[in-house]
């Protein structure tokens, strides 16, 4: 049951962060300053990565589904940032990364199912 709750939390958290990322980061910078926010963000990425790795070992199918959802949400956010010809290339590179994340998610789902 904990796997299901982590799965739902991961999807909701990814969606909310994707939608409100600018407001969240601006709030953190205003609260703690730029350097502390950078250090905290870097540390959080390592901790979340360790937790994600553990979760992947315990619930590979759900982890893959979270990857697929994360890739789709990130693609939606990246596409929303294409406002002029000047920023098409960075957005396309981000979308390429989203494709990779979705492919890894599909691979994890299939491996979790025993394929």
PDB file of N, CA and C in Angstrom:
ATOM      1  N   UNK A   1       0.811  -1.196   0.000  1.00  0.00           N
ATOM      2  CA  UNK A   1       0.000   0.000   0.000  1.00  0.00           C
ATOM      3  C   UNK A   1       0.856   1.264   0.000  1.00  0.00           C
ATOM      4  N   UNK A   2       2.014   1.193   0.654  1.00  0.00           N
ATOM      5  CA  UNK A   2       2.885   2.369   0.669  1.00  0.00           C
ATOM      6  C   UNK A   2       3.356   2.706  -0.744  1.00  0.00           C
ATOM      7  N   UNK A   3       3.524   1.686  -1.576  1.00  0.00           N
ATOM      8  CA  UNK A   3       3.924   1.918  -2.960  1.00  0.00           C
ATOM      9  C   UNK A   3       2.906   2.751  -3.714  1.00  0.00           C
ATOM     10  N   UNK A   4       1.643   2.471  -3.500  1.00  0.00           N
ATOM     11  CA  UNK A   4       0.580   3.230  -4.156  1.00  0.00           C
ATOM     12  C   UNK A   4       0.606   4.681  -3.707  1.00  0.00           C
ATOM     13  N   UNK A   5       0.763   4.902  -2.400  1.00  0.00           N
ATOM     14  CA  UNK A   5       0.793   6.273  -1.878  1.00  0.00           C
ATOM     15  C   UNK A   5       2.002   7.042  -2.408  1.00  0.00           C
ATOM     16  N   UNK A   6       3.146   6.384  -2.492  1.00  0.00           N
ATOM     17  CA  UNK A   6       4.329   7.032  -3.055  1.00  0.00           C
ATOM     18  C   UNK A   6       4.115   7.341  -4.536  1.00  0.00           C
ATOM     19  N   UNK A   7       3.466   6.434  -5.241  1.00  0.00           N
ATOM     20  CA  UNK A   7       3.177   6.627  -6.661  1.00  0.00           C
ATOM     21  C   UNK A   7       2.306   7.859  -6.866  1.00  0.00           C
ATOM     22  N   UNK A   8       1.214   7.935  -6.136  1.00  0.00           N
ATOM     23  CA  UNK A   8       0.298   9.075  -6.263  1.00  0.00           C
ATOM     24  C   UNK A   8       0.987  10.364  -5.823  1.00  0.00           C
ATOM     25  N   UNK A   9       1.735  10.304  -4.733  1.00  0.00           N
ATOM     26  CA  UNK A   9       2.454  11.489  -4.253  1.00  0.00           C
ATOM     27  C   UNK A   9       3.468  11.966  -5.281  1.00  0.00           C
ATOM     28  N   UNK A  10       4.147  11.037  -5.931  1.00  0.00           N
ATOM     29  CA  UNK A  10       5.131  11.395  -6.948  1.00  0.00           C
ATOM     30  C   UNK A  10       4.500  12.110  -8.127  1.00  0.00           C
ATOM     31  N   UNK A  11       3.372  11.615  -8.581  1.00  0.00           N
ATOM     32  CA  UNK A  11       2.692  12.241  -9.715  1.00  0.00           C
ATOM     33  C   UNK A  11       2.167  13.633  -9.326  1.00  0.00           C
ATOM     34  N   UNK A  12       1.538  13.723  -8.175  1.00  0.00           N
ATOM     35  CA  UNK A  12       0.994  15.017  -7.744  1.00  0.00           C
ATOM     36  C   UNK A  12       2.127  16.009  -7.489  1.00  0.00           C
ATOM     37  N   UNK A  13       3.176  15.560  -6.817  1.00  0.00           N
ATOM     38  CA  UNK A  13       4.309  16.441  -6.546  1.00  0.00           C
ATOM     39  C   UNK A  13       4.982  16.935  -7.808  1.00  0.00           C
ATOM     40  N   UNK A  14       5.175  16.032  -8.771  1.00  0.00           N
ATOM     41  CA  UNK A  14       5.782  16.426 -10.049  1.00  0.00           C
ATOM     42  C   UNK A  14       4.915  17.440 -10.779  1.00  0.00           C
ATOM     43  N   UNK A  15       3.624  17.196 -10.778  1.00  0.00           N
ATOM     44  CA  UNK A  15       2.715  18.117 -11.468  1.00  0.00           C
ATOM     45  C   UNK A  15       2.724  19.486 -10.816  1.00  0.00           C
ATOM     46  N   UNK A  16       2.631  19.513  -9.495  1.00  0.00           N
ATOM     47  CA  UNK A  16       2.606  20.805  -8.804  1.00  0.00           C
ATOM     48  C   UNK A  16       3.916  21.556  -8.966  1.00  0.00           C
ATOM     49  N   UNK A  17       5.042  20.858  -8.844  1.00  0.00           N
ATOM     50  CA  UNK A  17       6.315  21.537  -9.017  1.00  0.00           C
ATOM     51  C   UNK A  17       6.466  22.045 -10.443  1.00  0.00           C
ATOM     52  N   UNK A  18       6.046  21.238 -11.415  1.00  0.00           N
ATOM     53  CA  UNK A  18       6.135  21.670 -12.806  1.00  0.00           C
ATOM     54  C   UNK A  18       5.319  22.917 -13.083  1.00  0.00           C
ATOM     55  N   UNK A  19       4.162  22.988 -12.485  1.00  0.00           N
ATOM     56  CA  UNK A  19       3.277  24.130 -12.715  1.00  0.00           C
ATOM     57  C   UNK A  19       3.753  25.371 -11.954  1.00  0.00           C
ATOM     58  N   UNK A  20       4.217  25.178 -10.733  1.00  0.00           N
ATOM     59  CA  UNK A  20       4.555  26.307  -9.869  1.00  0.00           C
ATOM     60  C   UNK A  20       6.054  26.474  -9.633  1.00  0.00           C
ATOM     61  N   UNK A  21       6.889  25.930 -10.520  1.00  0.00           N
ATOM     62  CA  UNK A  21       8.335  25.944 -10.286  1.00  0.00           C
ATOM     63  C   UNK A  21       8.899  27.354 -10.132  1.00  0.00           C
ATOM     64  N   UNK A  22       8.456  28.295 -10.932  1.00  0.00           N
ATOM     65  CA  UNK A  22       8.987  29.658 -10.852  1.00  0.00           C
ATOM     66  C   UNK A  22       8.630  30.313  -9.512  1.00  0.00           C
ATOM     67  N   UNK A  23       7.400  30.136  -9.092  1.00  0.00           N
ATOM     68  CA  UNK A  23       6.977  30.720  -7.829  1.00  0.00           C
ATOM     69  C   UNK A  23       7.702  30.068  -6.653  1.00  0.00           C
ATOM     70  N   UNK A  24       7.879  28.747  -6.702  1.00  0.00           N
ATOM     71  CA  UNK A  24       8.550  28.035  -5.616  1.00  0.00           C
ATOM     72  C   UNK A  24      10.001  28.489  -5.508  1.00  0.00           C
ATOM     73  N   UNK A  25      10.712  28.528  -6.631  1.00  0.00           N
ATOM     74  CA  UNK A  25      12.116  28.914  -6.596  1.00  0.00           C
ATOM     75  C   UNK A  25      12.287  30.378  -6.211  1.00  0.00           C
ATOM     76  N   UNK A  26      11.427  31.264  -6.693  1.00  0.00           N
ATOM     77  CA  UNK A  26      11.504  32.680  -6.317  1.00  0.00           C
ATOM     78  C   UNK A  26      11.262  32.843  -4.821  1.00  0.00           C
ATOM     79  N   UNK A  27      10.316  32.109  -4.285  1.00  0.00           N
ATOM     80  CA  UNK A  27      10.025  32.176  -2.852  1.00  0.00           C
ATOM     81  C   UNK A  27      11.226  31.701  -2.041  1.00  0.00           C
ATOM     82  N   UNK A  28      11.846  30.588  -2.466  1.00  0.00           N
ATOM     83  CA  UNK A  28      13.017  30.071  -1.756  1.00  0.00           C
ATOM     84  C   UNK A  28      14.185  31.054  -1.807  1.00  0.00           C
ATOM     85  N   UNK A  29      14.421  31.659  -2.971  1.00  0.00           N
ATOM     86  CA  UNK A  29      15.512  32.635  -3.093  1.00  0.00           C
ATOM     87  C   UNK A  29      15.244  33.840  -2.199  1.00  0.00           C
ATOM     88  N   UNK A  30      14.012  34.323  -2.179  1.00  0.00           N
ATOM     89  CA  UNK A  30      13.669  35.462  -1.309  1.00  0.00           C
ATOM     90  C   UNK A  30      13.812  35.110   0.167  1.00  0.00           C
ATOM     91  N   UNK A  31      13.495  33.866   0.514  1.00  0.00           N
ATOM     92  CA  UNK A  31      13.528  33.439   1.911  1.00  0.00           C
ATOM     93  C   UNK A  31      14.952  33.159   2.391  1.00  0.00           C
ATOM     94  N   UNK A  32      15.734  32.427   1.581  1.00  0.00           N
ATOM     95  CA  UNK A  32      17.045  31.951   2.025  1.00  0.00           C
ATOM     96  C   UNK A  32      18.229  32.610   1.319  1.00  0.00           C
ATOM     97  N   UNK A  33      17.999  33.272   0.198  1.00  0.00           N
ATOM     98  CA  UNK A  33      19.087  33.804  -0.601  1.00  0.00           C
ATOM     99  C   UNK A  33      19.465  32.827  -1.702  1.00  0.00           C
ATOM    100  N   UNK A  34      20.181  33.339  -2.696  1.00  0.00           N
ATOM    101  CA  UNK A  34      20.500  32.532  -3.878  1.00  0.00           C
ATOM    102  C   UNK A  34      21.414  31.357  -3.536  1.00  0.00           C
ATOM    103  N   UNK A  35      22.521  31.610  -2.833  1.00  0.00           N
ATOM    104  CA  UNK A  35      23.496  30.552  -2.556  1.00  0.00           C
ATOM    105  C   UNK A  35      22.901  29.426  -1.718  1.00  0.00           C
ATOM    106  N   UNK A  36      22.183  29.771  -0.666  1.00  0.00           N
ATOM    107  CA  UNK A  36      21.567  28.749   0.190  1.00  0.00           C
ATOM    108  C   UNK A  36      20.524  27.945  -0.586  1.00  0.00           C
ATOM    109  N   UNK A  37      19.787  28.625  -1.465  1.00  0.00           N
ATOM    110  CA  UNK A  37      18.803  27.918  -2.280  1.00  0.00           C
ATOM    111  C   UNK A  37      19.487  26.949  -3.233  1.00  0.00           C
ATOM    112  N   UNK A  38      20.610  27.358  -3.811  1.00  0.00           N
ATOM    113  CA  UNK A  38      21.355  26.466  -4.695  1.00  0.00           C
ATOM    114  C   UNK A  38      21.858  25.248  -3.936  1.00  0.00           C
ATOM    115  N   UNK A  39      22.433  25.460  -2.757  1.00  0.00           N
ATOM    116  CA  UNK A  39      22.946  24.345  -1.957  1.00  0.00           C
ATOM    117  C   UNK A  39      21.826  23.413  -1.498  1.00  0.00           C
ATOM    118  N   UNK A  40      20.722  24.005  -1.085  1.00  0.00           N
ATOM    119  CA  UNK A  40      19.577  23.209  -0.646  1.00  0.00           C
ATOM    120  C   UNK A  40      18.995  22.409  -1.807  1.00  0.00           C
ATOM    121  N   UNK A  41      18.898  23.029  -2.961  1.00  0.00           N
ATOM    122  CA  UNK A  41      18.362  22.340  -4.140  1.00  0.00           C
ATOM    123  C   UNK A  41      19.268  21.181  -4.533  1.00  0.00           C
ATOM    124  N   UNK A  42      20.575  21.420  -4.563  1.00  0.00           N
ATOM    125  CA  UNK A  42      21.510  20.347  -4.894  1.00  0.00           C
ATOM    126  C   UNK A  42      21.424  19.193  -3.909  1.00  0.00           C
ATOM    127  N   UNK A  43      21.341  19.507  -2.628  1.00  0.00           N
ATOM    128  CA  UNK A  43      21.221  18.472  -1.597  1.00  0.00           C
ATOM    129  C   UNK A  43      19.905  17.709  -1.731  1.00  0.00           C
ATOM    130  N   UNK A  44      18.831  18.443  -2.000  1.00  0.00           N
ATOM    131  CA  UNK A  44      17.523  17.797  -2.163  1.00  0.00           C
ATOM    132  C   UNK A  44      17.522  16.846  -3.352  1.00  0.00           C
ATOM    133  N   UNK A  45      18.210  17.227  -4.430  1.00  0.00           N
ATOM    134  CA  UNK A  45      18.278  16.357  -5.609  1.00  0.00           C
ATOM    135  C   UNK A  45      18.969  15.036  -5.255  1.00  0.00           C
ATOM    136  N   UNK A  46      20.043  15.106  -4.481  1.00  0.00           N
ATOM    137  CA  UNK A  46      20.746  13.882  -4.088  1.00  0.00           C
ATOM    138  C   UNK A  46      19.856  13.006  -3.204  1.00  0.00           C
ATOM    139  N   UNK A  47      19.209  13.598  -2.208  1.00  0.00           N
ATOM    140  CA  UNK A  47      18.342  12.829  -1.307  1.00  0.00           C
ATOM    141  C   UNK A  47      17.164  12.225  -2.068  1.00  0.00           C
ATOM    142  N   UNK A  48      16.526  13.019  -2.918  1.00  0.00           N
ATOM    143  CA  UNK A  48      15.394  12.507  -3.701  1.00  0.00           C
ATOM    144  C   UNK A  48      15.862  11.408  -4.654  1.00  0.00           C
ATOM    145  N   UNK A  49      17.047  11.573  -5.235  1.00  0.00           N
ATOM    146  CA  UNK A  49      17.599  10.536  -6.109  1.00  0.00           C
ATOM    147  C   UNK A  49      17.836   9.232  -5.372  1.00  0.00           C
ATOM    148  N   UNK A  50      18.354   9.304  -4.154  1.00  0.00           N
ATOM    149  CA  UNK A  50      18.561   8.091  -3.348  1.00  0.00           C
ATOM    150  C   UNK A  50      17.226   7.417  -3.025  1.00  0.00           C
ATOM    151  N   UNK A  51      16.249   8.225  -2.635  1.00  0.00           N
ATOM    152  CA  UNK A  51      14.918   7.670  -2.342  1.00  0.00           C
ATOM    153  C   UNK A  51      14.281   7.068  -3.592  1.00  0.00           C
ATOM    154  N   UNK A  52      14.448   7.736  -4.728  1.00  0.00           N
ATOM    155  CA  UNK A  52      13.890   7.215  -5.983  1.00  0.00           C
ATOM    156  C   UNK A  52      14.553   5.902  -6.361  1.00  0.00           C
ATOM    157  N   UNK A  53      15.859   5.806  -6.143  1.00  0.00           N
ATOM    158  CA  UNK A  53      16.571   4.565  -6.448  1.00  0.00           C
ATOM    159  C   UNK A  53      16.059   3.418  -5.575  1.00  0.00           C
ATOM    160  N   UNK A  54      15.860   3.698  -4.296  1.00  0.00           N
ATOM    161  CA  UNK A  54      15.315   2.683  -3.394  1.00  0.00           C
ATOM    162  C   UNK A  54      13.905   2.279  -3.841  1.00  0.00           C
ATOM    163  N   UNK A  55      13.080   3.270  -4.181  1.00  0.00           N
ATOM    164  CA  UNK A  55      11.716   2.993  -4.614  1.00  0.00           C
ATOM    165  C   UNK A  55      11.700   2.167  -5.899  1.00  0.00           C
ATOM    166  N   UNK A  56      12.625   2.466  -6.798  1.00  0.00           N
ATOM    167  CA  UNK A  56      12.706   1.715  -8.055  1.00  0.00           C
ATOM    168  C   UNK A  56      12.963   0.235  -7.799  1.00  0.00           C
ATOM    169  N   UNK A  57      13.812  -0.065  -6.800  1.00  0.00           N
ATOM    170  CA  UNK A  57      14.089  -1.460  -6.456  1.00  0.00           C
ATOM    171  C   UNK A  57      12.865  -2.145  -5.869  1.00  0.00           C
ATOM    172  N   UNK A  58      12.057  -1.407  -5.130  1.00  0.00           N
ATOM    173  CA  UNK A  58      10.896  -1.991  -4.444  1.00  0.00           C
ATOM    174  C   UNK A  58       9.640  -2.068  -5.317  1.00  0.00           C
ATOM    175  N   UNK A  59       9.463  -1.121  -6.220  1.00  0.00           N
ATOM    176  CA  UNK A  59       8.220  -1.031  -6.998  1.00  0.00           C
ATOM    177  C   UNK A  59       8.535  -0.534  -8.406  1.00  0.00           C
ATOM    178  N   UNK A  60       9.143  -1.389  -9.203  1.00  0.00           N
ATOM    179  CA  UNK A  60       9.636  -0.988 -10.521  1.00  0.00           C
ATOM    180  C   UNK A  60       8.528  -0.502 -11.453  1.00  0.00           C
ATOM    181  N   UNK A  61       7.384  -1.166 -11.451  1.00  0.00           N
ATOM    182  CA  UNK A  61       6.292  -0.765 -12.346  1.00  0.00           C
ATOM    183  C   UNK A  61       5.784   0.627 -11.972  1.00  0.00           C
ATOM    184  N   UNK A  62       5.522   0.845 -10.692  1.00  0.00           N
ATOM    185  CA  UNK A  62       5.050   2.164 -10.264  1.00  0.00           C
ATOM    186  C   UNK A  62       6.097   3.240 -10.541  1.00  0.00           C
ATOM    187  N   UNK A  63       7.369   2.912 -10.315  1.00  0.00           N
ATOM    188  CA  UNK A  63       8.443   3.863 -10.601  1.00  0.00           C
ATOM    189  C   UNK A  63       8.427   4.237 -12.085  1.00  0.00           C
ATOM    190  N   UNK A  64       8.250   3.247 -12.944  1.00  0.00           N
ATOM    191  CA  UNK A  64       8.184   3.509 -14.379  1.00  0.00           C
ATOM    192  C   UNK A  64       7.000   4.388 -14.743  1.00  0.00           C
ATOM    193  N   UNK A  65       5.873   4.161 -14.093  1.00  0.00           N
ATOM    194  CA  UNK A  65       4.696   4.989 -14.354  1.00  0.00           C
ATOM    195  C   UNK A  65       4.937   6.429 -13.900  1.00  0.00           C
ATOM    196  N   UNK A  66       5.637   6.596 -12.775  1.00  0.00           N
ATOM    197  CA  UNK A  66       5.981   7.949 -12.323  1.00  0.00           C
ATOM    198  C   UNK A  66       6.903   8.611 -13.338  1.00  0.00           C
ATOM    199  N   UNK A  67       7.876   7.862 -13.878  1.00  0.00           N
ATOM    200  CA  UNK A  67       8.770   8.422 -14.900  1.00  0.00           C
ATOM    201  C   UNK A  67       7.990   8.887 -16.122  1.00  0.00           C
ATOM    202  N   UNK A  68       7.048   8.064 -16.552  1.00  0.00           N
ATOM    203  CA  UNK A  68       6.237   8.418 -17.721  1.00  0.00           C
ATOM    204  C   UNK A  68       5.437   9.686 -17.438  1.00  0.00           C
ATOM    205  N   UNK A  69       4.810   9.756 -16.258  1.00  0.00           N
ATOM    206  CA  UNK A  69       4.034  10.944 -15.896  1.00  0.00           C
ATOM    207  C   UNK A  69       4.945  12.168 -15.786  1.00  0.00           C
ATOM    208  N   UNK A  70       6.106  12.004 -15.177  1.00  0.00           N
ATOM    209  CA  UNK A  70       7.046  13.112 -15.029  1.00  0.00           C
ATOM    210  C   UNK A  70       7.490  13.616 -16.402  1.00  0.00           C
ATOM    211  N   UNK A  71       7.798  12.701 -17.314  1.00  0.00           N
ATOM    212  CA  UNK A  71       8.212  13.095 -18.664  1.00  0.00           C
ATOM    213  C   UNK A  71       7.114  13.849 -19.395  1.00  0.00           C
ATOM    214  N   UNK A  72       5.880  13.394 -19.245  1.00  0.00           N
ATOM    215  CA  UNK A  72       4.755  14.067 -19.903  1.00  0.00           C
ATOM    216  C   UNK A  72       4.523  15.458 -19.316  1.00  0.00           C
ATOM    217  N   UNK A  73       4.595  15.572 -17.996  1.00  0.00           N
ATOM    218  CA  UNK A  73       4.395  16.874 -17.346  1.00  0.00           C
ATOM    219  C   UNK A  73       5.522  17.831 -17.725  1.00  0.00           C
ATOM    220  N   UNK A  74       6.756  17.331 -17.708  1.00  0.00           N
ATOM    221  CA  UNK A  74       7.899  18.176 -18.076  1.00  0.00           C
ATOM    222  C   UNK A  74       7.790  18.637 -19.532  1.00  0.00           C
ATOM    223  N   UNK A  75       7.310  17.762 -20.417  1.00  0.00           N
ATOM    224  CA  UNK A  75       7.130  18.146 -21.822  1.00  0.00           C
ATOM    225  C   UNK A  75       6.069  19.234 -21.949  1.00  0.00           C
ATOM    226  N   UNK A  76       5.003  19.105 -21.193  1.00  0.00           N
ATOM    227  CA  UNK A  76       3.944  20.125 -21.200  1.00  0.00           C
ATOM    228  C   UNK A  76       4.505  21.476 -20.754  1.00  0.00           C
ATOM    229  N   UNK A  77       5.280  21.470 -19.672  1.00  0.00           N
ATOM    230  CA  UNK A  77       5.870  22.709 -19.156  1.00  0.00           C
ATOM    231  C   UNK A  77       6.860  23.285 -20.162  1.00  0.00           C
ATOM    232  N   UNK A  78       7.721  22.425 -20.736  1.00  0.00           N
ATOM    233  CA  UNK A  78       8.720  22.897 -21.707  1.00  0.00           C
ATOM    234  C   UNK A  78       8.047  23.496 -22.934  1.00  0.00           C
ATOM    235  N   UNK A  79       7.003  22.848 -23.426  1.00  0.00           N
ATOM    236  CA  UNK A  79       6.307  23.369 -24.603  1.00  0.00           C
ATOM    237  C   UNK A  79       5.657  24.714 -24.304  1.00  0.00           C
ATOM    238  N   UNK A  80       5.247  24.922 -23.058  1.00  0.00           N
ATOM    239  CA  UNK A  80       4.647  26.189 -22.671  1.00  0.00           C
ATOM    240  C   UNK A  80       5.644  27.340 -22.645  1.00  0.00           C
ATOM    241  N   UNK A  81       6.940  27.012 -22.642  1.00  0.00           N
ATOM    242  CA  UNK A  81       7.967  28.049 -22.621  1.00  0.00           C
ATOM    243  C   UNK A  81       8.427  28.451 -24.019  1.00  0.00           C
ATOM    244  N   UNK A  82       7.890  27.824 -25.038  1.00  0.00           N
ATOM    245  CA  UNK A  82       8.239  28.221 -26.406  1.00  0.00           C
ATOM    246  C   UNK A  82       7.372  29.425 -26.766  1.00  0.00           C
ATOM    247  N   UNK A  83       7.959  30.593 -26.635  1.00  0.00           N
ATOM    248  CA  UNK A  83       7.203  31.822 -26.908  1.00  0.00           C
ATOM    249  C   UNK A  83       7.783  32.604 -28.078  1.00  0.00           C
ATOM    250  N   UNK A  84       9.004  32.249 -28.483  1.00  0.00           N
ATOM    251  CA  UNK A  84       9.615  32.924 -29.630  1.00  0.00           C
ATOM    252  C   UNK A  84      10.634  31.996 -30.268  1.00  0.00           C
ATOM    253  N   UNK A  85      11.119  32.394 -31.428  1.00  0.00           N
ATOM    254  CA  UNK A  85      12.116  31.578 -32.121  1.00  0.00           C
ATOM    255  C   UNK A  85      13.428  31.511 -31.345  1.00  0.00           C
ATOM    256  N   UNK A  86      13.658  32.449 -30.439  1.00  0.00           N
ATOM    257  CA  UNK A  86      14.902  32.485 -29.672  1.00  0.00           C
ATOM    258  C   UNK A  86      15.041  31.333 -28.691  1.00  0.00           C
ATOM    259  N   UNK A  87      13.946  30.832 -28.182  1.00  0.00           N
ATOM    260  CA  UNK A  87      14.063  29.778 -27.183  1.00  0.00           C
ATOM    261  C   UNK A  87      13.538  28.424 -27.651  1.00  0.00           C
ATOM    262  N   UNK A  88      13.428  28.232 -28.937  1.00  0.00           N
ATOM    263  CA  UNK A  88      12.966  26.945 -29.451  1.00  0.00           C
ATOM    264  C   UNK A  88      14.007  25.861 -29.205  1.00  0.00           C
ATOM    265  N   UNK A  89      15.286  26.145 -29.453  1.00  0.00           N
ATOM    266  CA  UNK A  89      16.320  25.122 -29.302  1.00  0.00           C
ATOM    267  C   UNK A  89      16.415  24.587 -27.869  1.00  0.00           C
ATOM    268  N   UNK A  90      16.500  25.455 -26.851  1.00  0.00           N
ATOM    269  CA  UNK A  90      16.543  24.903 -25.490  1.00  0.00           C
ATOM    270  C   UNK A  90      15.300  24.074 -25.147  1.00  0.00           C
ATOM    271  N   UNK A  91      14.144  24.528 -25.599  1.00  0.00           N
ATOM    272  CA  UNK A  91      12.917  23.777 -25.328  1.00  0.00           C
ATOM    273  C   UNK A  91      12.945  22.426 -26.045  1.00  0.00           C
ATOM    274  N   UNK A  92      13.464  22.394 -27.260  1.00  0.00           N
ATOM    275  CA  UNK A  92      13.548  21.128 -27.999  1.00  0.00           C
ATOM    276  C   UNK A  92      14.525  20.162 -27.316  1.00  0.00           C
ATOM    277  N   UNK A  93      15.608  20.694 -26.765  1.00  0.00           N
ATOM    278  CA  UNK A  93      16.549  19.849 -26.031  1.00  0.00           C
ATOM    279  C   UNK A  93      15.879  19.275 -24.776  1.00  0.00           C
ATOM    280  N   UNK A  94      15.103  20.101 -24.112  1.00  0.00           N
ATOM    281  CA  UNK A  94      14.363  19.638 -22.941  1.00  0.00           C
ATOM    282  C   UNK A  94      13.353  18.565 -23.341  1.00  0.00           C
ATOM    283  N   UNK A  95      12.669  18.778 -24.461  1.00  0.00           N
ATOM    284  CA  UNK A  95      11.705  17.779 -24.931  1.00  0.00           C
ATOM    285  C   UNK A  95      12.402  16.464 -25.280  1.00  0.00           C
ATOM    286  N   UNK A  96      13.615  16.554 -25.827  1.00  0.00           N
ATOM    287  CA  UNK A  96      14.394  15.338 -26.083  1.00  0.00           C
ATOM    288  C   UNK A  96      14.679  14.588 -24.789  1.00  0.00           C
ATOM    289  N   UNK A  97      15.001  15.318 -23.734  1.00  0.00           N
ATOM    290  CA  UNK A  97      15.203  14.696 -22.423  1.00  0.00           C
ATOM    291  C   UNK A  97      13.925  14.057 -21.907  1.00  0.00           C
ATOM    292  N   UNK A  98      12.787  14.698 -22.181  1.00  0.00           N
ATOM    293  CA  UNK A  98      11.492  14.141 -21.771  1.00  0.00           C
ATOM    294  C   UNK A  98      11.225  12.812 -22.474  1.00  0.00           C
ATOM    295  N   UNK A  99      11.567  12.749 -23.753  1.00  0.00           N
ATOM    296  CA  UNK A  99      11.397  11.505 -24.501  1.00  0.00           C
ATOM    297  C   UNK A  99      12.235  10.398 -23.859  1.00  0.00           C
ATOM    298  N   UNK A 100      13.468  10.729 -23.473  1.00  0.00           N
ATOM    299  CA  UNK A 100      14.345   9.755 -22.820  1.00  0.00           C
ATOM    300  C   UNK A 100      13.737   9.267 -21.499  1.00  0.00           C
ATOM    301  N   UNK A 101      13.212  10.189 -20.698  1.00  0.00           N
ATOM    302  CA  UNK A 101      12.624   9.816 -19.412  1.00  0.00           C
ATOM    303  C   UNK A 101      11.411   8.904 -19.625  1.00  0.00           C
ATOM    304  N   UNK A 102      10.584   9.223 -20.609  1.00  0.00           N
ATOM    305  CA  UNK A 102       9.418   8.382 -20.903  1.00  0.00           C
ATOM    306  C   UNK A 102       9.861   6.999 -21.387  1.00  0.00           C
ATOM    307  N   UNK A 103      10.892   6.945 -22.221  1.00  0.00           N
ATOM    308  CA  UNK A 103      11.404   5.650 -22.696  1.00  0.00           C
ATOM    309  C   UNK A 103      11.927   4.818 -21.536  1.00  0.00           C
ATOM    310  N   UNK A 104      12.647   5.429 -20.605  1.00  0.00           N
ATOM    311  CA  UNK A 104      13.131   4.716 -19.418  1.00  0.00           C
ATOM    312  C   UNK A 104      11.950   4.241 -18.583  1.00  0.00           C
ATOM    313  N   UNK A 105      10.926   5.075 -18.476  1.00  0.00           N
ATOM    314  CA  UNK A 105       9.743   4.683 -17.722  1.00  0.00           C
ATOM    315  C   UNK A 105       9.070   3.466 -18.332  1.00  0.00           C
ATOM    316  N   UNK A 106       8.943   3.465 -19.650  1.00  0.00           N
ATOM    317  CA  UNK A 106       8.342   2.309 -20.335  1.00  0.00           C
ATOM    318  C   UNK A 106       9.186   1.054 -20.109  1.00  0.00           C
ATOM    319  N   UNK A 107      10.507   1.221 -20.185  1.00  0.00           N
ATOM    320  CA  UNK A 107      11.413   0.095 -19.954  1.00  0.00           C
ATOM    321  C   UNK A 107      11.254  -0.446 -18.528  1.00  0.00           C
ATOM    322  N   UNK A 108      11.155   0.433 -17.547  1.00  0.00           N
ATOM    323  CA  UNK A 108      10.978  -0.013 -16.169  1.00  0.00           C
ATOM    324  C   UNK A 108       9.650  -0.722 -15.953  1.00  0.00           C
ATOM    325  N   UNK A 109       8.602  -0.217 -16.600  1.00  0.00           N
ATOM    326  CA  UNK A 109       7.288  -0.889 -16.488  1.00  0.00           C
ATOM    327  C   UNK A 109       7.386  -2.293 -17.072  1.00  0.00           C
ATOM    328  N   UNK A 110       7.963  -2.415 -18.268  1.00  0.00           N
ATOM    329  CA  UNK A 110       8.070  -3.731 -18.902  1.00  0.00           C
ATOM    330  C   UNK A 110       8.958  -4.686 -18.106  1.00  0.00           C
ATOM    331  N   UNK A 111      10.069  -4.173 -17.582  1.00  0.00           N
ATOM    332  CA  UNK A 111      10.940  -5.019 -16.756  1.00  0.00           C
ATOM    333  C   UNK A 111      10.229  -5.430 -15.467  1.00  0.00           C
ATOM    334  N   UNK A 112       9.461  -4.520 -14.896  1.00  0.00           N
ATOM    335  CA  UNK A 112       8.696  -4.849 -13.690  1.00  0.00           C
ATOM    336  C   UNK A 112       7.648  -5.917 -13.945  1.00  0.00           C
ATOM    337  N   UNK A 113       7.124  -5.960 -15.153  1.00  0.00           N
ATOM    338  CA  UNK A 113       6.148  -6.972 -15.538  1.00  0.00           C
ATOM    339  C   UNK A 113       6.808  -8.280 -15.961  1.00  0.00           C
ATOM    340  N   UNK A 114       8.142  -8.299 -16.034  1.00  0.00           N
ATOM    341  CA  UNK A 114       8.852  -9.522 -16.365  1.00  0.00           C
ATOM    342  C   UNK A 114       9.185  -9.696 -17.828  1.00  0.00           C
ATOM    343  N   UNK A 115       9.121  -8.651 -18.625  1.00  0.00           N
ATOM    344  CA  UNK A 115       9.472  -8.749 -20.053  1.00  0.00           C
ATOM    345  C   UNK A 115      10.951  -8.554 -20.242  1.00  0.00           C
TER     346      UNK A 115
END
